[in-house]
């Protein structure tokens, strides 16, 4: 299988006093979570693979060459 590269957004959330990491890809709408960063990214990889198996036409969109995107945060 060829390697794909996707942009992800990772954020830490607290729910019921418990922390978790959420990983999201805006291009596909796929998101997943885990108790720690490594678990969240592994869960996301599995979810994205399942998504691309169900919707193989979406894989073409991810393979298209795109300009690099910088995502950052600014404080006002």
Protein backbone atom coordinates (compact mmCIF):
# COMPACT_ATOMS: atom_id res chain seq x y z
CA UNK A 1 0.00 0.00 0.00
CA UNK A 2 1.31 3.42 -0.89
CA UNK A 3 1.98 5.93 1.85
CA UNK A 4 -0.41 8.82 2.30
CA UNK A 5 0.25 12.00 4.17
CA UNK A 6 -2.56 13.89 5.88
CA UNK A 7 -2.76 16.99 8.03
CA UNK A 8 -4.10 16.44 11.52
CA UNK A 9 -5.23 18.68 14.32
CA UNK A 10 -4.58 17.39 17.83
CA UNK A 11 -6.18 18.88 20.89
CA UNK A 12 -6.36 17.88 24.50
CA UNK A 13 -9.80 17.82 26.09
CA UNK A 14 -11.10 17.18 29.55
CA UNK A 15 -14.33 15.31 30.12
CA UNK A 16 -15.59 14.49 33.60
CA UNK A 17 -12.19 15.51 34.97
CA UNK A 18 -10.44 13.01 32.70
CA UNK A 19 -8.04 14.14 29.98
CA UNK A 20 -7.99 12.75 26.47
CA UNK A 21 -6.46 13.62 23.12
CA UNK A 22 -8.58 14.12 20.02
CA UNK A 23 -7.09 13.81 16.52
CA UNK A 24 -9.00 15.25 13.56
CA UNK A 25 -8.45 15.51 9.79
CA UNK A 26 -10.46 18.32 8.21
CA UNK A 27 -10.14 16.99 4.64
CA UNK A 28 -11.95 13.73 5.40
CA UNK A 29 -13.85 14.58 8.57
CA UNK A 30 -12.28 11.56 10.28
CA UNK A 31 -11.56 11.95 13.99
CA UNK A 32 -10.65 9.66 16.85
CA UNK A 33 -9.37 9.90 20.41
CA UNK A 34 -7.27 8.20 23.07
CA UNK A 35 -6.16 8.50 26.66
CA UNK A 36 -2.70 9.60 25.49
CA UNK A 37 -1.28 11.08 22.29
CA UNK A 38 0.17 7.83 20.96
CA UNK A 39 -3.11 5.97 21.48
CA UNK A 40 -5.10 8.77 19.86
CA UNK A 41 -2.88 8.81 16.75
CA UNK A 42 -2.97 5.00 16.45
CA UNK A 43 -6.77 5.03 16.77
CA UNK A 44 -6.96 7.78 14.15
CA UNK A 45 -4.80 5.77 11.72
CA UNK A 46 -7.11 2.76 12.09
CA UNK A 47 -10.21 4.92 11.58
CA UNK A 48 -8.75 6.63 8.52
CA UNK A 49 -7.80 3.26 6.96
CA UNK A 50 -11.36 1.99 7.50
CA UNK A 51 -12.78 5.20 6.06
CA UNK A 52 -10.61 4.92 2.94
CA UNK A 53 -11.60 1.27 2.49
CA UNK A 54 -15.26 2.29 2.58
CA UNK A 55 -14.74 5.37 0.34
CA UNK A 56 -11.80 4.61 -1.98
CA UNK A 57 -12.57 7.66 -4.13
CA UNK A 58 -11.56 9.87 -1.18
CA UNK A 59 -8.05 8.44 -1.37
CA UNK A 60 -7.56 10.24 -4.70
CA UNK A 61 -8.23 13.57 -3.00
CA UNK A 62 -5.53 12.87 -0.42
CA UNK A 63 -3.03 11.87 -3.11
CA UNK A 64 -3.41 15.11 -5.06
CA UNK A 65 -0.47 17.45 -4.65
CA UNK A 66 -1.40 20.36 -2.43
CA UNK A 67 0.30 23.43 -1.23
CA UNK A 68 1.75 23.12 2.25
CA UNK A 69 -0.53 24.37 4.96
CA UNK A 70 0.57 25.93 8.20
CA UNK A 71 -1.82 25.69 11.08
CA UNK A 72 -0.97 27.81 14.06
CA UNK A 73 -2.59 29.52 16.98
CA UNK A 74 -2.53 33.21 17.78
CA UNK A 75 -3.55 34.88 20.99
CA UNK A 76 -5.42 38.18 21.07
